[in-house]
Structure formats: structure tokens, C-alpha cells
N, C-alpha and C. Protein backbone atom coordinates (compact mmCIF):
# COMPACT_ATOMS: atom_id res chain seq x y z
N MET A 1 6.70 -15.52 2.20
CA MET A 1 6.15 -14.20 1.91
C MET A 1 6.88 -13.52 0.71
N PRO A 2 8.21 -13.73 0.51
CA PRO A 2 8.81 -13.11 -0.68
C PRO A 2 8.17 -13.50 -2.00
N ILE A 3 7.69 -14.72 -2.11
CA ILE A 3 7.03 -15.15 -3.34
C ILE A 3 5.75 -14.38 -3.54
N ILE A 4 5.01 -14.20 -2.45
CA ILE A 4 3.74 -13.38 -2.56
C ILE A 4 4.10 -11.95 -2.93
N ALA A 5 5.16 -11.41 -2.40
CA ALA A 5 5.61 -10.04 -2.76
C ALA A 5 5.90 -9.98 -4.26
N ILE A 6 6.60 -11.00 -4.76
CA ILE A 6 6.94 -11.03 -6.22
C ILE A 6 5.65 -11.07 -7.02
N LEU A 7 4.70 -11.92 -6.61
CA LEU A 7 3.42 -11.99 -7.34
C LEU A 7 2.68 -10.68 -7.29
N LEU A 8 2.69 -9.97 -6.19
CA LEU A 8 2.03 -8.66 -6.08
C LEU A 8 2.76 -7.64 -6.95
N SER A 9 4.06 -7.74 -7.06
CA SER A 9 4.80 -6.86 -7.95
C SER A 9 4.41 -7.12 -9.38
N ILE A 10 4.24 -8.35 -9.74
CA ILE A 10 3.82 -8.73 -11.11
C ILE A 10 2.40 -8.15 -11.32
N ALA A 11 1.54 -8.21 -10.34
CA ALA A 11 0.19 -7.61 -10.42
C ALA A 11 0.30 -6.13 -10.69
N ALA A 12 1.21 -5.44 -10.01
CA ALA A 12 1.37 -3.97 -10.17
C ALA A 12 1.85 -3.69 -11.61
N VAL A 13 2.72 -4.52 -12.11
CA VAL A 13 3.19 -4.37 -13.52
C VAL A 13 2.00 -4.56 -14.46
N ALA A 14 1.19 -5.56 -14.20
CA ALA A 14 0.02 -5.83 -15.05
C ALA A 14 -0.93 -4.61 -15.01
N VAL A 15 -1.18 -4.06 -13.84
CA VAL A 15 -2.10 -2.90 -13.74
C VAL A 15 -1.49 -1.74 -14.53
N ASP A 16 -0.20 -1.47 -14.34
CA ASP A 16 0.48 -0.38 -15.03
C ASP A 16 0.36 -0.54 -16.54
N GLN A 17 0.70 -1.72 -17.03
CA GLN A 17 0.69 -1.93 -18.49
C GLN A 17 -0.75 -1.89 -19.04
N SER A 18 -1.71 -2.36 -18.28
CA SER A 18 -3.13 -2.31 -18.71
C SER A 18 -3.60 -0.90 -18.80
N ILE A 19 -3.25 -0.06 -17.84
CA ILE A 19 -3.66 1.36 -17.87
C ILE A 19 -3.00 2.04 -19.07
N LYS A 20 -1.74 1.78 -19.30
CA LYS A 20 -1.07 2.38 -20.44
C LYS A 20 -1.70 1.97 -21.76
N PHE A 21 -2.10 0.68 -21.86
CA PHE A 21 -2.76 0.24 -23.08
C PHE A 21 -4.10 0.98 -23.24
N MET A 22 -4.83 1.16 -22.16
CA MET A 22 -6.11 1.88 -22.25
C MET A 22 -5.88 3.35 -22.65
N VAL A 23 -4.81 3.92 -22.14
CA VAL A 23 -4.49 5.32 -22.51
C VAL A 23 -4.19 5.39 -24.02
N LEU A 24 -3.41 4.45 -24.52
CA LEU A 24 -3.13 4.41 -25.95
C LEU A 24 -4.43 4.26 -26.79
N GLN A 25 -5.33 3.46 -26.31
CA GLN A 25 -6.60 3.24 -27.02
C GLN A 25 -7.60 4.39 -26.94
N ASN A 26 -7.62 5.04 -25.77
CA ASN A 26 -8.71 5.98 -25.52
C ASN A 26 -8.27 7.45 -25.42
N VAL A 27 -7.05 7.71 -25.00
CA VAL A 27 -6.61 9.08 -24.82
C VAL A 27 -5.93 9.64 -26.07
N VAL A 28 -5.07 8.83 -26.68
CA VAL A 28 -4.33 9.26 -27.85
C VAL A 28 -5.27 9.79 -28.96
N PRO A 29 -6.34 9.11 -29.26
CA PRO A 29 -7.21 9.60 -30.35
C PRO A 29 -7.86 10.98 -30.07
N VAL A 30 -8.10 11.25 -28.79
CA VAL A 30 -8.81 12.55 -28.46
C VAL A 30 -7.86 13.62 -27.89
N GLY A 31 -6.68 13.21 -27.45
CA GLY A 31 -5.69 14.17 -26.96
C GLY A 31 -5.78 14.41 -25.48
N LYS A 32 -6.98 14.48 -24.90
CA LYS A 32 -7.12 14.78 -23.50
C LYS A 32 -8.51 14.29 -23.04
N ILE A 33 -8.53 13.72 -21.85
CA ILE A 33 -9.82 13.39 -21.19
C ILE A 33 -9.82 14.03 -19.86
N THR A 34 -10.84 14.84 -19.62
CA THR A 34 -10.99 15.48 -18.34
C THR A 34 -11.76 14.52 -17.42
N VAL A 35 -11.15 14.20 -16.30
CA VAL A 35 -11.76 13.29 -15.33
C VAL A 35 -12.45 14.11 -14.28
N ILE A 36 -11.80 15.08 -13.67
CA ILE A 36 -12.38 16.01 -12.73
C ILE A 36 -12.01 17.41 -13.20
N PRO A 37 -12.98 18.19 -13.71
CA PRO A 37 -12.65 19.51 -14.30
C PRO A 37 -11.88 20.37 -13.34
N GLY A 38 -10.79 20.98 -13.86
CA GLY A 38 -9.97 21.85 -13.08
C GLY A 38 -9.00 21.15 -12.13
N LEU A 39 -9.02 19.81 -12.08
CA LEU A 39 -8.20 19.12 -11.14
C LEU A 39 -7.41 17.96 -11.76
N PHE A 40 -8.10 17.11 -12.53
CA PHE A 40 -7.48 15.82 -12.99
C PHE A 40 -7.82 15.59 -14.40
N ASP A 41 -6.78 15.49 -15.23
CA ASP A 41 -6.93 15.19 -16.69
C ASP A 41 -6.03 14.03 -17.05
N LEU A 42 -6.39 13.37 -18.13
CA LEU A 42 -5.52 12.33 -18.74
C LEU A 42 -4.98 12.88 -20.02
N PHE A 43 -3.67 12.86 -20.16
CA PHE A 43 -2.99 13.23 -21.41
C PHE A 43 -2.13 12.07 -21.85
N TYR A 44 -1.64 12.12 -23.06
CA TYR A 44 -0.68 11.18 -23.50
C TYR A 44 0.65 11.89 -23.67
N LEU A 45 1.70 11.41 -23.01
CA LEU A 45 3.03 12.07 -23.08
C LEU A 45 4.10 10.99 -23.20
N GLU A 46 4.98 11.13 -24.11
CA GLU A 46 6.12 10.24 -24.25
C GLU A 46 7.32 10.83 -23.48
N ASN A 47 7.62 10.26 -22.35
CA ASN A 47 8.66 10.75 -21.50
C ASN A 47 9.95 10.02 -21.78
N ARG A 48 10.92 10.72 -22.35
CA ARG A 48 12.19 10.12 -22.67
C ARG A 48 13.28 10.38 -21.63
N GLY A 49 12.80 10.96 -20.51
CA GLY A 49 13.73 11.27 -19.40
C GLY A 49 13.29 10.68 -18.10
N ALA A 50 13.74 11.27 -17.02
CA ALA A 50 13.34 10.86 -15.70
C ALA A 50 12.28 11.79 -15.16
N ALA A 51 12.11 11.81 -13.87
CA ALA A 51 11.15 12.73 -13.23
C ALA A 51 11.43 14.13 -13.68
N PHE A 52 10.35 14.87 -13.94
CA PHE A 52 10.44 16.28 -14.36
C PHE A 52 11.19 16.46 -15.67
N GLY A 53 11.31 15.40 -16.46
CA GLY A 53 11.93 15.47 -17.76
C GLY A 53 13.48 15.55 -17.71
N MET A 54 14.04 15.29 -16.55
CA MET A 54 15.54 15.35 -16.46
C MET A 54 16.16 14.20 -17.23
N LEU A 55 17.40 14.42 -17.64
CA LEU A 55 18.21 13.39 -18.35
C LEU A 55 17.50 12.82 -19.57
N GLN A 56 17.01 13.69 -20.42
CA GLN A 56 16.34 13.28 -21.67
C GLN A 56 17.23 12.39 -22.51
N ASN A 57 16.58 11.42 -23.15
CA ASN A 57 17.21 10.52 -24.12
C ASN A 57 18.38 9.71 -23.53
N GLN A 58 18.29 9.33 -22.27
CA GLN A 58 19.31 8.49 -21.67
C GLN A 58 18.72 7.09 -21.43
N LYS A 59 18.12 6.55 -22.46
CA LYS A 59 17.40 5.26 -22.35
C LYS A 59 18.24 4.18 -21.69
N TRP A 60 19.48 3.94 -22.12
CA TRP A 60 20.30 2.85 -21.61
C TRP A 60 20.72 3.11 -20.15
N PHE A 61 20.94 4.33 -19.81
CA PHE A 61 21.26 4.70 -18.44
C PHE A 61 20.11 4.27 -17.51
N PHE A 62 18.89 4.62 -17.93
CA PHE A 62 17.73 4.28 -17.09
C PHE A 62 17.49 2.76 -17.04
N ILE A 63 17.66 2.11 -18.16
CA ILE A 63 17.46 0.66 -18.23
C ILE A 63 18.42 -0.03 -17.22
N VAL A 64 19.72 0.38 -17.25
CA VAL A 64 20.72 -0.23 -16.38
C VAL A 64 20.41 0.09 -14.90
N ILE A 65 20.16 1.35 -14.56
CA ILE A 65 19.94 1.74 -13.21
C ILE A 65 18.65 1.07 -12.64
N VAL A 66 17.58 1.09 -13.37
CA VAL A 66 16.32 0.49 -12.90
C VAL A 66 16.45 -0.99 -12.75
N SER A 67 17.16 -1.64 -13.69
CA SER A 67 17.39 -3.06 -13.55
C SER A 67 18.17 -3.42 -12.29
N ILE A 68 19.22 -2.65 -12.01
CA ILE A 68 20.01 -2.86 -10.80
C ILE A 68 19.17 -2.69 -9.56
N VAL A 69 18.39 -1.62 -9.52
CA VAL A 69 17.54 -1.34 -8.36
C VAL A 69 16.54 -2.46 -8.13
N CYS A 70 15.87 -2.91 -9.21
CA CYS A 70 14.86 -3.96 -9.09
C CYS A 70 15.51 -5.28 -8.65
N ILE A 71 16.66 -5.60 -9.21
CA ILE A 71 17.39 -6.83 -8.79
C ILE A 71 17.76 -6.73 -7.31
N ALA A 72 18.23 -5.56 -6.88
CA ALA A 72 18.61 -5.38 -5.48
C ALA A 72 17.41 -5.57 -4.57
N PHE A 73 16.26 -5.03 -4.95
CA PHE A 73 15.03 -5.18 -4.14
C PHE A 73 14.59 -6.67 -4.13
N ILE A 74 14.69 -7.34 -5.25
CA ILE A 74 14.31 -8.78 -5.28
C ILE A 74 15.23 -9.59 -4.36
N ILE A 75 16.53 -9.32 -4.48
CA ILE A 75 17.46 -10.02 -3.57
C ILE A 75 17.16 -9.76 -2.12
N ALA A 76 16.87 -8.49 -1.81
CA ALA A 76 16.54 -8.11 -0.40
C ALA A 76 15.29 -8.79 0.06
N LEU A 77 14.34 -9.02 -0.83
CA LEU A 77 13.11 -9.72 -0.43
C LEU A 77 13.45 -11.12 0.15
N PHE A 78 14.41 -11.76 -0.42
CA PHE A 78 14.78 -13.11 0.02
C PHE A 78 15.84 -13.14 1.12
N ARG A 79 16.69 -12.10 1.19
CA ARG A 79 17.84 -12.19 2.10
C ARG A 79 17.62 -11.41 3.39
N TYR A 80 16.82 -10.36 3.37
CA TYR A 80 16.59 -9.54 4.57
C TYR A 80 15.65 -10.29 5.48
N SER A 81 16.06 -10.46 6.74
CA SER A 81 15.29 -11.33 7.67
C SER A 81 14.29 -10.64 8.55
N HIS A 82 14.19 -9.33 8.46
CA HIS A 82 13.31 -8.61 9.39
C HIS A 82 12.22 -7.82 8.65
N HIS A 83 11.67 -8.43 7.64
CA HIS A 83 10.61 -7.75 6.87
C HIS A 83 9.38 -7.54 7.74
N GLU A 84 8.74 -6.44 7.47
CA GLU A 84 7.44 -6.19 8.08
C GLU A 84 6.62 -5.42 7.00
N PHE A 85 5.50 -4.87 7.33
CA PHE A 85 4.61 -4.24 6.36
C PHE A 85 5.32 -3.25 5.43
N PHE A 86 6.03 -2.31 6.04
CA PHE A 86 6.62 -1.22 5.26
C PHE A 86 7.71 -1.72 4.25
N SER A 87 8.53 -2.66 4.71
CA SER A 87 9.57 -3.14 3.82
C SER A 87 9.01 -4.02 2.70
N TYR A 88 8.00 -4.83 3.01
CA TYR A 88 7.36 -5.62 1.96
C TYR A 88 6.61 -4.72 0.98
N ALA A 89 5.81 -3.78 1.49
CA ALA A 89 5.06 -2.88 0.61
C ALA A 89 6.01 -2.05 -0.25
N ALA A 90 7.09 -1.57 0.35
CA ALA A 90 8.03 -0.79 -0.43
C ALA A 90 8.66 -1.62 -1.54
N SER A 91 9.03 -2.85 -1.24
CA SER A 91 9.62 -3.75 -2.26
C SER A 91 8.62 -4.02 -3.38
N ILE A 92 7.39 -4.35 -3.02
CA ILE A 92 6.35 -4.66 -4.04
C ILE A 92 6.18 -3.47 -4.97
N LEU A 93 6.05 -2.27 -4.40
CA LEU A 93 5.76 -1.09 -5.17
C LEU A 93 6.95 -0.64 -6.07
N VAL A 94 8.16 -0.69 -5.47
CA VAL A 94 9.33 -0.23 -6.24
C VAL A 94 9.63 -1.22 -7.36
N ILE A 95 9.53 -2.50 -7.08
CA ILE A 95 9.76 -3.53 -8.13
C ILE A 95 8.70 -3.42 -9.21
N GLY A 96 7.44 -3.35 -8.82
CA GLY A 96 6.33 -3.28 -9.79
C GLY A 96 6.41 -2.02 -10.64
N GLY A 97 6.58 -0.90 -10.00
CA GLY A 97 6.67 0.37 -10.72
C GLY A 97 7.93 0.42 -11.59
N GLY A 98 9.03 -0.01 -11.05
CA GLY A 98 10.29 0.00 -11.82
C GLY A 98 10.19 -0.85 -13.07
N ILE A 99 9.65 -2.06 -12.92
CA ILE A 99 9.54 -2.95 -14.08
C ILE A 99 8.50 -2.42 -15.07
N GLY A 100 7.39 -1.83 -14.55
CA GLY A 100 6.39 -1.27 -15.45
C GLY A 100 7.01 -0.20 -16.40
N ASN A 101 7.79 0.68 -15.83
CA ASN A 101 8.43 1.72 -16.67
C ASN A 101 9.58 1.14 -17.48
N LEU A 102 10.26 0.10 -16.94
CA LEU A 102 11.35 -0.55 -17.67
C LEU A 102 10.82 -1.18 -18.94
N ILE A 103 9.70 -1.83 -18.87
CA ILE A 103 9.07 -2.41 -20.07
C ILE A 103 8.86 -1.37 -21.15
N ASP A 104 8.34 -0.19 -20.77
CA ASP A 104 8.14 0.88 -21.75
C ASP A 104 9.46 1.29 -22.36
N ARG A 105 10.45 1.50 -21.52
CA ARG A 105 11.79 1.98 -22.06
C ARG A 105 12.38 0.97 -23.04
N ILE A 106 12.29 -0.31 -22.68
CA ILE A 106 12.84 -1.35 -23.57
C ILE A 106 12.03 -1.46 -24.84
N ARG A 107 10.72 -1.53 -24.71
CA ARG A 107 9.81 -1.76 -25.81
C ARG A 107 9.67 -0.53 -26.74
N LEU A 108 9.56 0.63 -26.09
CA LEU A 108 9.20 1.87 -26.88
C LEU A 108 10.31 2.88 -26.96
N GLY A 109 11.22 2.82 -26.02
CA GLY A 109 12.30 3.83 -25.96
C GLY A 109 11.90 5.01 -25.11
N TYR A 110 10.74 5.01 -24.51
CA TYR A 110 10.24 6.09 -23.67
C TYR A 110 9.18 5.52 -22.74
N VAL A 111 8.83 6.29 -21.75
CA VAL A 111 7.78 5.88 -20.80
C VAL A 111 6.49 6.62 -21.13
N ILE A 112 5.37 5.94 -21.11
CA ILE A 112 4.09 6.55 -21.31
C ILE A 112 3.59 7.18 -20.03
N ASP A 113 3.44 8.50 -20.04
CA ASP A 113 2.87 9.24 -18.91
C ASP A 113 1.50 9.76 -19.29
N TYR A 114 0.61 9.93 -18.31
CA TYR A 114 -0.74 10.29 -18.67
C TYR A 114 -1.51 11.01 -17.55
N ILE A 115 -1.08 11.01 -16.33
CA ILE A 115 -1.83 11.64 -15.23
C ILE A 115 -1.38 13.08 -15.10
N SER A 116 -2.36 13.99 -15.18
CA SER A 116 -2.09 15.42 -15.03
C SER A 116 -2.98 15.94 -13.89
N ILE A 117 -2.33 16.44 -12.85
CA ILE A 117 -3.01 17.04 -11.67
C ILE A 117 -2.78 18.53 -11.75
N SER A 118 -3.81 19.33 -11.59
CA SER A 118 -3.69 20.78 -11.81
C SER A 118 -2.62 21.44 -10.91
N PHE A 119 -2.45 21.00 -9.68
CA PHE A 119 -1.50 21.65 -8.77
C PHE A 119 -0.14 21.03 -8.80
N PHE A 120 0.12 20.11 -9.72
CA PHE A 120 1.47 19.44 -9.85
C PHE A 120 1.77 19.36 -11.33
N SER A 121 2.72 20.18 -11.76
CA SER A 121 2.91 20.34 -13.19
C SER A 121 3.39 19.10 -13.99
N PRO A 122 4.28 18.26 -13.44
CA PRO A 122 4.68 17.11 -14.26
C PRO A 122 3.56 16.14 -14.51
N ILE A 123 3.56 15.53 -15.67
CA ILE A 123 2.61 14.48 -16.01
C ILE A 123 3.30 13.14 -15.65
N PHE A 124 2.60 12.23 -15.01
CA PHE A 124 3.24 10.99 -14.53
C PHE A 124 2.30 9.81 -14.79
N ASN A 125 2.62 8.62 -14.26
CA ASN A 125 1.85 7.46 -14.52
C ASN A 125 1.74 6.59 -13.25
N PHE A 126 1.00 5.52 -13.34
CA PHE A 126 0.80 4.60 -12.19
C PHE A 126 2.12 4.05 -11.67
N ALA A 127 3.01 3.64 -12.58
CA ALA A 127 4.28 3.11 -12.11
C ALA A 127 5.08 4.12 -11.33
N ASP A 128 5.03 5.39 -11.76
CA ASP A 128 5.72 6.48 -10.99
C ASP A 128 5.13 6.58 -9.62
N CYS A 129 3.82 6.46 -9.53
CA CYS A 129 3.16 6.50 -8.18
C CYS A 129 3.65 5.35 -7.31
N CYS A 130 3.75 4.15 -7.93
CA CYS A 130 4.23 2.97 -7.15
C CYS A 130 5.61 3.23 -6.63
N VAL A 131 6.53 3.71 -7.49
CA VAL A 131 7.92 3.89 -7.08
C VAL A 131 7.98 4.99 -6.00
N THR A 132 7.21 6.06 -6.16
CA THR A 132 7.22 7.15 -5.18
C THR A 132 6.69 6.68 -3.82
N VAL A 133 5.55 6.05 -3.83
CA VAL A 133 4.97 5.58 -2.54
C VAL A 133 5.90 4.49 -1.94
N GLY A 134 6.42 3.60 -2.78
CA GLY A 134 7.35 2.59 -2.29
C GLY A 134 8.58 3.19 -1.64
N THR A 135 9.11 4.23 -2.24
CA THR A 135 10.28 4.89 -1.68
C THR A 135 9.97 5.55 -0.31
N VAL A 136 8.79 6.17 -0.22
CA VAL A 136 8.37 6.75 1.05
C VAL A 136 8.22 5.65 2.10
N LEU A 137 7.64 4.53 1.73
CA LEU A 137 7.48 3.44 2.69
C LEU A 137 8.84 2.85 3.11
N LEU A 138 9.78 2.82 2.16
CA LEU A 138 11.14 2.35 2.51
C LEU A 138 11.80 3.30 3.48
N MET A 139 11.61 4.60 3.27
CA MET A 139 12.18 5.59 4.18
C MET A 139 11.55 5.44 5.60
N ILE A 140 10.25 5.20 5.66
CA ILE A 140 9.61 4.98 6.98
C ILE A 140 10.21 3.76 7.65
N HIS A 141 10.40 2.70 6.85
CA HIS A 141 10.99 1.47 7.42
C HIS A 141 12.39 1.76 7.95
N LEU A 142 13.19 2.43 7.15
CA LEU A 142 14.61 2.67 7.56
C LEU A 142 14.68 3.63 8.76
N LEU A 143 13.78 4.63 8.78
CA LEU A 143 13.86 5.59 9.86
C LEU A 143 13.27 5.08 11.18
N PHE A 144 12.25 4.29 11.09
CA PHE A 144 11.52 3.90 12.32
C PHE A 144 11.62 2.43 12.74
N PHE A 145 12.04 1.57 11.81
CA PHE A 145 12.05 0.14 12.15
C PHE A 145 13.36 -0.52 11.98
N TYR A 146 14.22 -0.05 11.07
CA TYR A 146 15.51 -0.69 10.80
C TYR A 146 16.42 -0.72 12.00
N GLU A 147 16.61 0.38 12.69
CA GLU A 147 17.44 0.42 13.87
C GLU A 147 16.95 -0.54 14.93
N LYS A 148 15.63 -0.61 15.11
CA LYS A 148 15.05 -1.53 16.06
C LYS A 148 15.41 -2.97 15.69
N ASP A 149 15.37 -3.28 14.38
CA ASP A 149 15.74 -4.63 13.93
C ASP A 149 17.20 -4.90 14.25
N LYS A 150 18.07 -3.94 14.04
CA LYS A 150 19.51 -4.15 14.38
C LYS A 150 19.70 -4.37 15.82
N ASN A 151 18.97 -3.64 16.66
CA ASN A 151 19.08 -3.83 18.12
C ASN A 151 18.61 -5.23 18.55
N VAL A 152 17.55 -5.71 17.92
CA VAL A 152 17.08 -7.08 18.22
C VAL A 152 18.16 -8.09 17.85
N GLU A 153 18.81 -7.90 16.70
CA GLU A 153 19.91 -8.83 16.32
C GLU A 153 21.04 -8.74 17.31
N ARG A 154 21.45 -7.58 17.81
CA ARG A 154 22.51 -7.45 18.78
C ARG A 154 22.16 -8.19 20.07
N VAL A 155 20.94 -8.04 20.52
CA VAL A 155 20.48 -8.66 21.76
C VAL A 155 20.50 -10.19 21.56
N MET A 156 20.09 -10.66 20.43
CA MET A 156 20.04 -12.10 20.19
C MET A 156 21.46 -12.69 20.14
N ARG A 157 22.44 -11.96 19.62
CA ARG A 157 23.79 -12.43 19.56
C ARG A 157 24.44 -12.45 20.96
N ILE A 158 24.07 -11.54 21.80
CA ILE A 158 24.65 -11.50 23.18
C ILE A 158 24.21 -12.68 23.96
N LYS A 159 22.95 -13.11 23.84
CA LYS A 159 22.43 -14.21 24.62
C LYS A 159 22.99 -15.49 24.10
């Protein structure tokens, strides 16, 4: 299953990079595309920081941190023995989203953001969505399933 998770992460990277390519081709020339009036627009933004524009122009800091996180998740895919849906999905999304934005930072020096939702001021991208949802799924796994996994290991060692 870890190999399938890696392949799905690669698919997430491909989706992210494809959308960013389409944004460059279609949004940059016109500046803005309204998808749902008053709710959802596509913009082109060069984000040189993290979420909400924090830590601007810290390209190498982000490259190092994201690389470490992605490597840790890849190692965990192969070493953690109690995977289930939430841990696999979290790994797939965090790795895919992290690498998608990492490619931008290495190649361009910034991340291409494009999704603008009227009730949420920051502009973000597909990779950001993957990392955010993946992090939520990881929290669900840790809060509701991880302790159960540890208890199963303890019982197995006692017998």
C-alpha cells in the first residue's frame, strides 16, 4: 500500500502543477476569472511566503522545512505498521501538496496561488488544500486511532 500512496501523491503533484499551468495560460492574461459571482474567483498571485503571506522571501527556509516534512511522511509510509484510511490519506495529501509547492519554490522562487473565496481573504492553491486537508486527517488519526494502535501493540506484547 505505501507504493500506491506514493503514486497517488505523484498524481496530486501532477494535478497541482497542471492547474498552475492552466492558471498561467488562462488567468494571467486577463487578471481575474469569476467562477461563481460574489463567491469564487481565480487570480494569479506570486506568494513568496507561507500561509497568509507570513515569512516573506524565506525561500530556502521553506525548501528545507517542506523537504524534511515530505521525507518524514514518506519514511512513515513504509515504517508505520498501523496505517488505516486517515493516515494513508493524510500522507498522500501532505506529500503531494508539499511537493507541488516545493516545485514552485525551487523552479520559480515563489508559489503560484490562484483560488479566491469571498469569505476567506487569503488566496491559495490546490497544493495548499491538499496540505490542509491532509493535516486535518492526520490530526483525526492521532486523536482517535493512534492511541488505539498503541494499546493493540501493548496487548500483543503481553501475550
